[in-house]
């Protein structure tokens, strides 16, 4: 504990922080993460070996340019920031692996949000998240696929912060920032946040 202006500030050591993370990242979350990555690679192996892309993906991988004023004019300024994660690379073998990793991380938060206790629930959640045709369609657009998967993660985190912080102000503020950034990449992912919110509300009503 440290004192500042007469108030005590709790300082958490790296060892305690790591211990808390490992406690949170329990067996079910590990199962979900590993399942999503392994099943994702098996399912989408042709995306990496055969260089399969959409028509826009082919064009923008051959003559790719970073998002310009026309994208910002659409309110999608976040796609420029998200694209920095893969340095604006439009190579299917690289973007596919990054997308699968991001989806695996998203799966971990889904398992935590719904508080799945069963290992089978975690296993099937990992599978469902990466075999979805929507993910396949997303990865065909190699020049924006990583940004869209970041969007998916942010849309999930927008709900995760609210529920895990039990509606406290800090949780709502961080959630709002995640939601704002999500909308700035691609507005369609708003449905993920809204869908999770409705599902969790129904579950809470049934429990009560």
C-alpha atoms as a PDB file:
ATOM      1  CA  UNK A   1       0.000   0.000   0.000  1.00  0.00           C
ATOM      2  CA  UNK A   2       1.178   3.507  -0.788  1.00  0.00           C
ATOM      3  CA  UNK A   3      -0.085   6.786   0.601  1.00  0.00           C
ATOM      4  CA  UNK A   4      -0.942   9.778  -1.589  1.00  0.00           C
ATOM      5  CA  UNK A   5      -2.657  12.932  -0.279  1.00  0.00           C
ATOM      6  CA  UNK A   6      -3.710  11.086   2.840  1.00  0.00           C
ATOM      7  CA  UNK A   7      -5.372   8.298   0.873  1.00  0.00           C
ATOM      8  CA  UNK A   8      -4.160   4.750   0.519  1.00  0.00           C
ATOM      9  CA  UNK A   9      -3.622   3.473  -3.009  1.00  0.00           C
ATOM     10  CA  UNK A  10      -3.519  -0.247  -3.547  1.00  0.00           C
ATOM     11  CA  UNK A  11      -0.624  -1.317  -5.753  1.00  0.00           C
ATOM     12  CA  UNK A  12      -0.792  -4.801  -7.219  1.00  0.00           C
ATOM     13  CA  UNK A  13       2.516  -6.499  -7.887  1.00  0.00           C
ATOM     14  CA  UNK A  14       3.123  -8.224 -11.253  1.00  0.00           C
ATOM     15  CA  UNK A  15       3.143 -11.608  -9.500  1.00  0.00           C
ATOM     16  CA  UNK A  16      -0.319 -11.035  -7.987  1.00  0.00           C
ATOM     17  CA  UNK A  17      -1.627  -9.700 -11.305  1.00  0.00           C
ATOM     18  CA  UNK A  18      -0.340 -12.812 -13.079  1.00  0.00           C
ATOM     19  CA  UNK A  19      -1.858 -15.059 -10.442  1.00  0.00           C
ATOM     20  CA  UNK A  20      -5.240 -13.334 -10.816  1.00  0.00           C
ATOM     21  CA  UNK A  21      -5.074 -13.662 -14.598  1.00  0.00           C
ATOM     22  CA  UNK A  22      -4.282 -17.381 -14.406  1.00  0.00           C
ATOM     23  CA  UNK A  23      -7.162 -17.840 -11.975  1.00  0.00           C
ATOM     24  CA  UNK A  24      -9.500 -16.047 -14.381  1.00  0.00           C
ATOM     25  CA  UNK A  25      -8.092 -17.899 -17.410  1.00  0.00           C
ATOM     26  CA  UNK A  26      -9.330 -21.230 -16.143  1.00  0.00           C
ATOM     27  CA  UNK A  27      -9.544 -24.630 -17.832  1.00  0.00           C
ATOM     28  CA  UNK A  28     -12.789 -23.911 -19.681  1.00  0.00           C
ATOM     29  CA  UNK A  29     -11.390 -20.730 -21.198  1.00  0.00           C
ATOM     30  CA  UNK A  30      -8.222 -22.556 -22.237  1.00  0.00           C
ATOM     31  CA  UNK A  31     -10.311 -25.278 -23.860  1.00  0.00           C
ATOM     32  CA  UNK A  32     -12.305 -22.658 -25.760  1.00  0.00           C
ATOM     33  CA  UNK A  33      -9.152 -20.845 -26.923  1.00  0.00           C
ATOM     34  CA  UNK A  34      -7.286 -23.969 -28.070  1.00  0.00           C
ATOM     35  CA  UNK A  35     -10.393 -25.463 -29.705  1.00  0.00           C
ATOM     36  CA  UNK A  36     -11.070 -22.284 -31.657  1.00  0.00           C
ATOM     37  CA  UNK A  37      -7.499 -22.130 -32.964  1.00  0.00           C
ATOM     38  CA  UNK A  38      -7.173 -25.847 -33.839  1.00  0.00           C
ATOM     39  CA  UNK A  39     -10.641 -26.223 -35.386  1.00  0.00           C
ATOM     40  CA  UNK A  40     -10.222 -22.871 -37.118  1.00  0.00           C
ATOM     41  CA  UNK A  41      -6.972 -23.950 -38.785  1.00  0.00           C
ATOM     42  CA  UNK A  42      -8.478 -27.275 -39.885  1.00  0.00           C
ATOM     43  CA  UNK A  43     -11.611 -25.588 -41.231  1.00  0.00           C
ATOM     44  CA  UNK A  44      -9.886 -22.721 -43.007  1.00  0.00           C
ATOM     45  CA  UNK A  45      -6.656 -24.391 -44.097  1.00  0.00           C
ATOM     46  CA  UNK A  46      -7.498 -23.743 -47.749  1.00  0.00           C
ATOM     47  CA  UNK A  47      -7.626 -20.017 -47.019  1.00  0.00           C
ATOM     48  CA  UNK A  48      -3.926 -20.239 -46.239  1.00  0.00           C
ATOM     49  CA  UNK A  49      -2.779 -22.797 -48.832  1.00  0.00           C
ATOM     50  CA  UNK A  50      -4.911 -21.994 -51.871  1.00  0.00           C
ATOM     51  CA  UNK A  51      -5.037 -18.196 -51.576  1.00  0.00           C
ATOM     52  CA  UNK A  52      -8.822 -18.027 -51.864  1.00  0.00           C
ATOM     53  CA  UNK A  53     -10.191 -14.478 -51.844  1.00  0.00           C
ATOM     54  CA  UNK A  54     -13.267 -12.510 -52.800  1.00  0.00           C
ATOM     55  CA  UNK A  55     -13.264 -10.270 -55.854  1.00  0.00           C
ATOM     56  CA  UNK A  56     -12.563  -7.249 -53.664  1.00  0.00           C
ATOM     57  CA  UNK A  57      -9.931  -9.252 -51.804  1.00  0.00           C
ATOM     58  CA  UNK A  58      -8.096 -10.088 -55.039  1.00  0.00           C
ATOM     59  CA  UNK A  59      -8.186  -6.501 -56.247  1.00  0.00           C
ATOM     60  CA  UNK A  60      -7.129  -4.947 -52.979  1.00  0.00           C
ATOM     61  CA  UNK A  61      -4.363  -7.450 -52.356  1.00  0.00           C
ATOM     62  CA  UNK A  62      -2.846  -6.719 -55.758  1.00  0.00           C
ATOM     63  CA  UNK A  63      -3.226  -2.954 -55.605  1.00  0.00           C
ATOM     64  CA  UNK A  64      -3.851  -2.304 -51.959  1.00  0.00           C
ATOM     65  CA  UNK A  65      -3.909   1.165 -50.526  1.00  0.00           C
ATOM     66  CA  UNK A  66      -4.672   2.258 -47.000  1.00  0.00           C
ATOM     67  CA  UNK A  67      -8.062   3.629 -46.114  1.00  0.00           C
ATOM     68  CA  UNK A  68      -8.409   7.163 -47.358  1.00  0.00           C
ATOM     69  CA  UNK A  69     -10.789  10.065 -46.964  1.00  0.00           C
ATOM     70  CA  UNK A  70     -13.681   8.130 -48.523  1.00  0.00           C
ATOM     71  CA  UNK A  71     -13.595   5.584 -45.674  1.00  0.00           C
ATOM     72  CA  UNK A  72     -13.378   8.305 -43.020  1.00  0.00           C
ATOM     73  CA  UNK A  73     -16.317  10.059 -44.700  1.00  0.00           C
ATOM     74  CA  UNK A  74     -18.364   6.908 -44.051  1.00  0.00           C
ATOM     75  CA  UNK A  75     -17.580   7.162 -40.349  1.00  0.00           C
ATOM     76  CA  UNK A  76     -15.142   4.239 -40.475  1.00  0.00           C
ATOM     77  CA  UNK A  77     -12.073   5.994 -39.121  1.00  0.00           C
ATOM     78  CA  UNK A  78     -11.355   3.030 -36.836  1.00  0.00           C
ATOM     79  CA  UNK A  79     -10.477   0.764 -39.742  1.00  0.00           C
ATOM     80  CA  UNK A  80      -7.286   2.759 -40.227  1.00  0.00           C
ATOM     81  CA  UNK A  81      -6.257   2.164 -36.604  1.00  0.00           C
ATOM     82  CA  UNK A  82      -7.234  -1.516 -36.607  1.00  0.00           C
ATOM     83  CA  UNK A  83      -5.295  -2.061 -39.841  1.00  0.00           C
ATOM     84  CA  UNK A  84      -2.087  -1.160 -38.039  1.00  0.00           C
ATOM     85  CA  UNK A  85      -2.236  -4.470 -36.137  1.00  0.00           C
ATOM     86  CA  UNK A  86      -1.121  -6.358 -39.246  1.00  0.00           C
ATOM     87  CA  UNK A  87       0.684  -3.372 -40.774  1.00  0.00           C
ATOM     88  CA  UNK A  88      -1.935  -3.274 -43.564  1.00  0.00           C
ATOM     89  CA  UNK A  89      -0.693  -6.613 -44.943  1.00  0.00           C
ATOM     90  CA  UNK A  90      -3.170  -8.302 -47.329  1.00  0.00           C
ATOM     91  CA  UNK A  91      -1.708 -11.813 -47.481  1.00  0.00           C
ATOM     92  CA  UNK A  92      -4.286 -14.595 -46.812  1.00  0.00           C
ATOM     93  CA  UNK A  93      -1.915 -16.908 -44.920  1.00  0.00           C
ATOM     94  CA  UNK A  94      -1.095 -14.130 -42.453  1.00  0.00           C
ATOM     95  CA  UNK A  95      -4.507 -12.497 -42.132  1.00  0.00           C
ATOM     96  CA  UNK A  96      -6.253 -15.861 -41.685  1.00  0.00           C
ATOM     97  CA  UNK A  97      -4.078 -16.795 -38.703  1.00  0.00           C
ATOM     98  CA  UNK A  98      -4.554 -13.367 -37.135  1.00  0.00           C
ATOM     99  CA  UNK A  99      -8.315 -13.606 -37.633  1.00  0.00           C
ATOM    100  CA  UNK A 100      -8.443 -17.051 -36.031  1.00  0.00           C
ATOM    101  CA  UNK A 101      -6.434 -15.833 -33.053  1.00  0.00           C
ATOM    102  CA  UNK A 102      -8.730 -12.834 -32.571  1.00  0.00           C
ATOM    103  CA  UNK A 103     -11.797 -15.060 -32.819  1.00  0.00           C
ATOM    104  CA  UNK A 104     -10.257 -17.444 -30.270  1.00  0.00           C
ATOM    105  CA  UNK A 105      -9.766 -14.543 -27.857  1.00  0.00           C
ATOM    106  CA  UNK A 106     -13.360 -13.462 -28.512  1.00  0.00           C
ATOM    107  CA  UNK A 107     -14.460 -16.997 -27.648  1.00  0.00           C
ATOM    108  CA  UNK A 108     -12.734 -16.756 -24.264  1.00  0.00           C
ATOM    109  CA  UNK A 109     -14.768 -13.653 -23.412  1.00  0.00           C
ATOM    110  CA  UNK A 110     -17.983 -15.297 -24.631  1.00  0.00           C
ATOM    111  CA  UNK A 111     -17.335 -18.217 -22.271  1.00  0.00           C
ATOM    112  CA  UNK A 112     -16.698 -15.768 -19.440  1.00  0.00           C
ATOM    113  CA  UNK A 113     -19.773 -13.648 -20.182  1.00  0.00           C
ATOM    114  CA  UNK A 114     -22.113 -16.638 -20.080  1.00  0.00           C
ATOM    115  CA  UNK A 115     -20.114 -18.228 -17.252  1.00  0.00           C
ATOM    116  CA  UNK A 116     -20.056 -21.669 -18.845  1.00  0.00           C
ATOM    117  CA  UNK A 117     -19.185 -24.334 -16.289  1.00  0.00           C
ATOM    118  CA  UNK A 118     -19.240 -27.331 -18.597  1.00  0.00           C
ATOM    119  CA  UNK A 119     -16.124 -28.219 -20.578  1.00  0.00           C
ATOM    120  CA  UNK A 120     -18.376 -29.339 -23.426  1.00  0.00           C
ATOM    121  CA  UNK A 121     -19.997 -25.908 -23.542  1.00  0.00           C
ATOM    122  CA  UNK A 122     -16.565 -24.298 -23.840  1.00  0.00           C
ATOM    123  CA  UNK A 123     -15.574 -26.836 -26.496  1.00  0.00           C
ATOM    124  CA  UNK A 124     -18.664 -26.264 -28.637  1.00  0.00           C
ATOM    125  CA  UNK A 125     -18.427 -22.505 -28.223  1.00  0.00           C
ATOM    126  CA  UNK A 126     -14.890 -22.570 -29.599  1.00  0.00           C
ATOM    127  CA  UNK A 127     -16.047 -24.665 -32.546  1.00  0.00           C
ATOM    128  CA  UNK A 128     -19.116 -22.590 -33.357  1.00  0.00           C
ATOM    129  CA  UNK A 129     -17.188 -19.320 -33.333  1.00  0.00           C
ATOM    130  CA  UNK A 130     -14.725 -20.422 -36.022  1.00  0.00           C
ATOM    131  CA  UNK A 131     -16.861 -22.595 -38.309  1.00  0.00           C
ATOM    132  CA  UNK A 132     -19.440 -19.880 -38.884  1.00  0.00           C
ATOM    133  CA  UNK A 133     -19.928 -19.071 -42.603  1.00  0.00           C
ATOM    134  CA  UNK A 134     -19.864 -15.402 -41.607  1.00  0.00           C
ATOM    135  CA  UNK A 135     -16.229 -15.752 -40.524  1.00  0.00           C
ATOM    136  CA  UNK A 136     -15.340 -17.453 -43.805  1.00  0.00           C
ATOM    137  CA  UNK A 137     -16.983 -14.646 -45.771  1.00  0.00           C
ATOM    138  CA  UNK A 138     -15.158 -12.084 -43.641  1.00  0.00           C
ATOM    139  CA  UNK A 139     -11.737 -13.651 -44.229  1.00  0.00           C
ATOM    140  CA  UNK A 140     -12.272 -13.580 -47.994  1.00  0.00           C
ATOM    141  CA  UNK A 141     -11.818  -9.820 -47.752  1.00  0.00           C
ATOM    142  CA  UNK A 142      -8.187 -10.113 -46.765  1.00  0.00           C
ATOM    143  CA  UNK A 143      -7.508  -6.397 -46.773  1.00  0.00           C
ATOM    144  CA  UNK A 144     -10.023  -5.713 -43.983  1.00  0.00           C
ATOM    145  CA  UNK A 145     -10.559  -9.145 -42.371  1.00  0.00           C
ATOM    146  CA  UNK A 146      -8.270  -8.487 -39.398  1.00  0.00           C
ATOM    147  CA  UNK A 147      -9.968  -5.150 -38.707  1.00  0.00           C
ATOM    148  CA  UNK A 148     -13.379  -6.837 -38.815  1.00  0.00           C
ATOM    149  CA  UNK A 149     -12.269  -9.519 -36.340  1.00  0.00           C
ATOM    150  CA  UNK A 150     -10.986  -6.758 -34.068  1.00  0.00           C
ATOM    151  CA  UNK A 151     -14.459  -5.283 -34.449  1.00  0.00           C
ATOM    152  CA  UNK A 152     -15.993  -8.571 -33.322  1.00  0.00           C
ATOM    153  CA  UNK A 153     -13.793  -8.598 -30.221  1.00  0.00           C
ATOM    154  CA  UNK A 154     -14.658  -4.986 -29.380  1.00  0.00           C
ATOM    155  CA  UNK A 155     -18.380  -5.651 -29.818  1.00  0.00           C
ATOM    156  CA  UNK A 156     -18.113  -8.494 -27.290  1.00  0.00           C
ATOM    157  CA  UNK A 157     -15.943  -6.481 -24.882  1.00  0.00           C
ATOM    158  CA  UNK A 158     -18.564  -3.712 -24.892  1.00  0.00           C
ATOM    159  CA  UNK A 159     -20.890  -6.124 -23.094  1.00  0.00           C
ATOM    160  CA  UNK A 160     -18.188  -7.858 -21.064  1.00  0.00           C
ATOM    161  CA  UNK A 161     -17.060  -4.649 -19.345  1.00  0.00           C
ATOM    162  CA  UNK A 162     -20.611  -3.712 -18.359  1.00  0.00           C
ATOM    163  CA  UNK A 163     -21.441  -7.085 -16.832  1.00  0.00           C
ATOM    164  CA  UNK A 164     -18.076  -7.785 -15.227  1.00  0.00           C
ATOM    165  CA  UNK A 165     -17.891  -4.337 -13.635  1.00  0.00           C
ATOM    166  CA  UNK A 166     -21.492  -4.812 -12.452  1.00  0.00           C
ATOM    167  CA  UNK A 167     -22.773  -1.630 -14.117  1.00  0.00           C
ATOM    168  CA  UNK A 168     -20.249   0.628 -12.375  1.00  0.00           C
ATOM    169  CA  UNK A 169     -19.336   3.917 -14.050  1.00  0.00           C
ATOM    170  CA  UNK A 170     -15.836   2.777 -15.053  1.00  0.00           C
ATOM    171  CA  UNK A 171     -17.261  -0.298 -16.755  1.00  0.00           C
ATOM    172  CA  UNK A 172     -19.868   1.732 -18.619  1.00  0.00           C
ATOM    173  CA  UNK A 173     -17.258   4.253 -19.803  1.00  0.00           C
ATOM    174  CA  UNK A 174     -14.862   1.564 -21.073  1.00  0.00           C
ATOM    175  CA  UNK A 175     -17.787  -0.261 -22.658  1.00  0.00           C
ATOM    176  CA  UNK A 176     -18.870   2.919 -24.442  1.00  0.00           C
ATOM    177  CA  UNK A 177     -15.344   3.420 -25.793  1.00  0.00           C
ATOM    178  CA  UNK A 178     -15.244  -0.175 -27.073  1.00  0.00           C
ATOM    179  CA  UNK A 179     -18.641   0.252 -28.705  1.00  0.00           C
ATOM    180  CA  UNK A 180     -17.605   3.558 -30.278  1.00  0.00           C
ATOM    181  CA  UNK A 181     -14.433   2.034 -31.702  1.00  0.00           C
ATOM    182  CA  UNK A 182     -16.441  -0.946 -32.940  1.00  0.00           C
ATOM    183  CA  UNK A 183     -18.860   1.309 -34.795  1.00  0.00           C
ATOM    184  CA  UNK A 184     -15.960   3.245 -36.281  1.00  0.00           C
ATOM    185  CA  UNK A 185     -14.697   0.070 -37.993  1.00  0.00           C
ATOM    186  CA  UNK A 186     -17.944  -1.362 -39.342  1.00  0.00           C
ATOM    187  CA  UNK A 187     -21.408  -0.554 -38.051  1.00  0.00           C
ATOM    188  CA  UNK A 188     -22.901  -3.984 -38.830  1.00  0.00           C
ATOM    189  CA  UNK A 189     -21.227  -5.492 -35.755  1.00  0.00           C
ATOM    190  CA  UNK A 190     -23.607  -3.495 -33.584  1.00  0.00           C
ATOM    191  CA  UNK A 191     -25.835  -6.572 -33.864  1.00  0.00           C
ATOM    192  CA  UNK A 192     -23.295  -8.616 -31.875  1.00  0.00           C
ATOM    193  CA  UNK A 193     -23.435  -6.205 -28.932  1.00  0.00           C
ATOM    194  CA  UNK A 194     -27.219  -5.870 -29.063  1.00  0.00           C
ATOM    195  CA  UNK A 195     -27.689  -9.647 -29.411  1.00  0.00           C
ATOM    196  CA  UNK A 196     -25.487 -10.406 -26.412  1.00  0.00           C
ATOM    197  CA  UNK A 197     -27.264  -7.758 -24.374  1.00  0.00           C
ATOM    198  CA  UNK A 198     -30.672  -9.290 -25.148  1.00  0.00           C
ATOM    199  CA  UNK A 199     -29.507 -12.848 -24.449  1.00  0.00           C
ATOM    200  CA  UNK A 200     -27.947 -11.926 -21.130  1.00  0.00           C
ATOM    201  CA  UNK A 201     -31.031  -9.922 -20.112  1.00  0.00           C
ATOM    202  CA  UNK A 202     -33.253 -12.947 -20.834  1.00  0.00           C
ATOM    203  CA  UNK A 203     -30.931 -15.220 -18.836  1.00  0.00           C
ATOM    204  CA  UNK A 204     -30.963 -12.830 -15.855  1.00  0.00           C
ATOM    205  CA  UNK A 205     -34.773 -12.645 -15.981  1.00  0.00           C
ATOM    206  CA  UNK A 206     -35.037 -16.434 -16.025  1.00  0.00           C
ATOM    207  CA  UNK A 207     -32.607 -16.764 -13.110  1.00  0.00           C
ATOM    208  CA  UNK A 208     -34.548 -14.228 -11.100  1.00  0.00           C
END
